[in-house]
């Protein structure tokens, strides 16, 4: 079966299921596993990022603010955030396309994919992966396996992922449930939504200002100040650890979190914003940060305490 992935999480799912030889193309943002970068890319973001800071008078403008502004401008204008290489898709003639409708900012919406296939006369099956909770993320793994004809392989993978989550719950069962504010963006502040509150809960803590299954939401700084967080976890959407640390240093200067004794930067791109198998790594990472006396440390390079 010829499979085309139009979102990084689907690419990770395909590899975890051993379907890499069937994966004919991915997106320009698919960088895990590293071999995925060698696949042809058929989807490209139309927005880039700029350097942190500005020469204009006044306080520096963070890259997070610049990205947020650029995305808002494109969305308001009706311009696409991604472009498809339709001719390459025609040449590859995929049979199964993995897409999504969950977030227009994250990947090409499946409706746009279907329209492109109609123009190309391509009769591929489009599977839209739109998880809202941690359980839904595991369900997406099973759905890809079913569509690709490897259902038993999918069941085995999901079972192993559930077992790892259960082990984290067991290790943290008697721990004090720390109050955690998980931010997925800093300027303006956004709280992590969808499956992220489930991840915090599975890691033995209480998620603040968010509910499972509800999309991430823009916060006011007043609400951040009044949340009463014990820990701020900063795992910016689409950012690795180095960029999270760079943006997190600016976050430390906010008076609204000056009384929070513990602030962490985490690799959001790898372990939080992509709803694939590595969100379970994210649960384990959170638990090791929040309950280091109970949970073994995660591998280096995934988290850094800023304060």
Foldseek 3Di string as FASTA:
>chain_A
DAEEEFAQQVVVLCVLLVNVVNDQEYACLNCPPVCNNVHHHFKYFPDDWDQWFDPDPDDTDGRLQVVVVVVVVCVVVVHQRMGGPLVVCLVSLGQEYEAAQADSNRGPHVVVVVVSCVVSVRDHHYDYQHAQALVSLLVSSQVVCVVVVNNVSSVVLSVVLVVLLVVLCVLQVPPDAFEEFEWQGVVQTKTAGRHVQVLSVSLRHHYWPYDHRDHIDGDDLVCLLVRPGLEYEYAHAPAAQVVQVVVVVVNCPDPSCVVRPWYKYFPNHQAPNRSHSNVSVVSLQSNCVVPVVRGPHDDPRGMDIPD
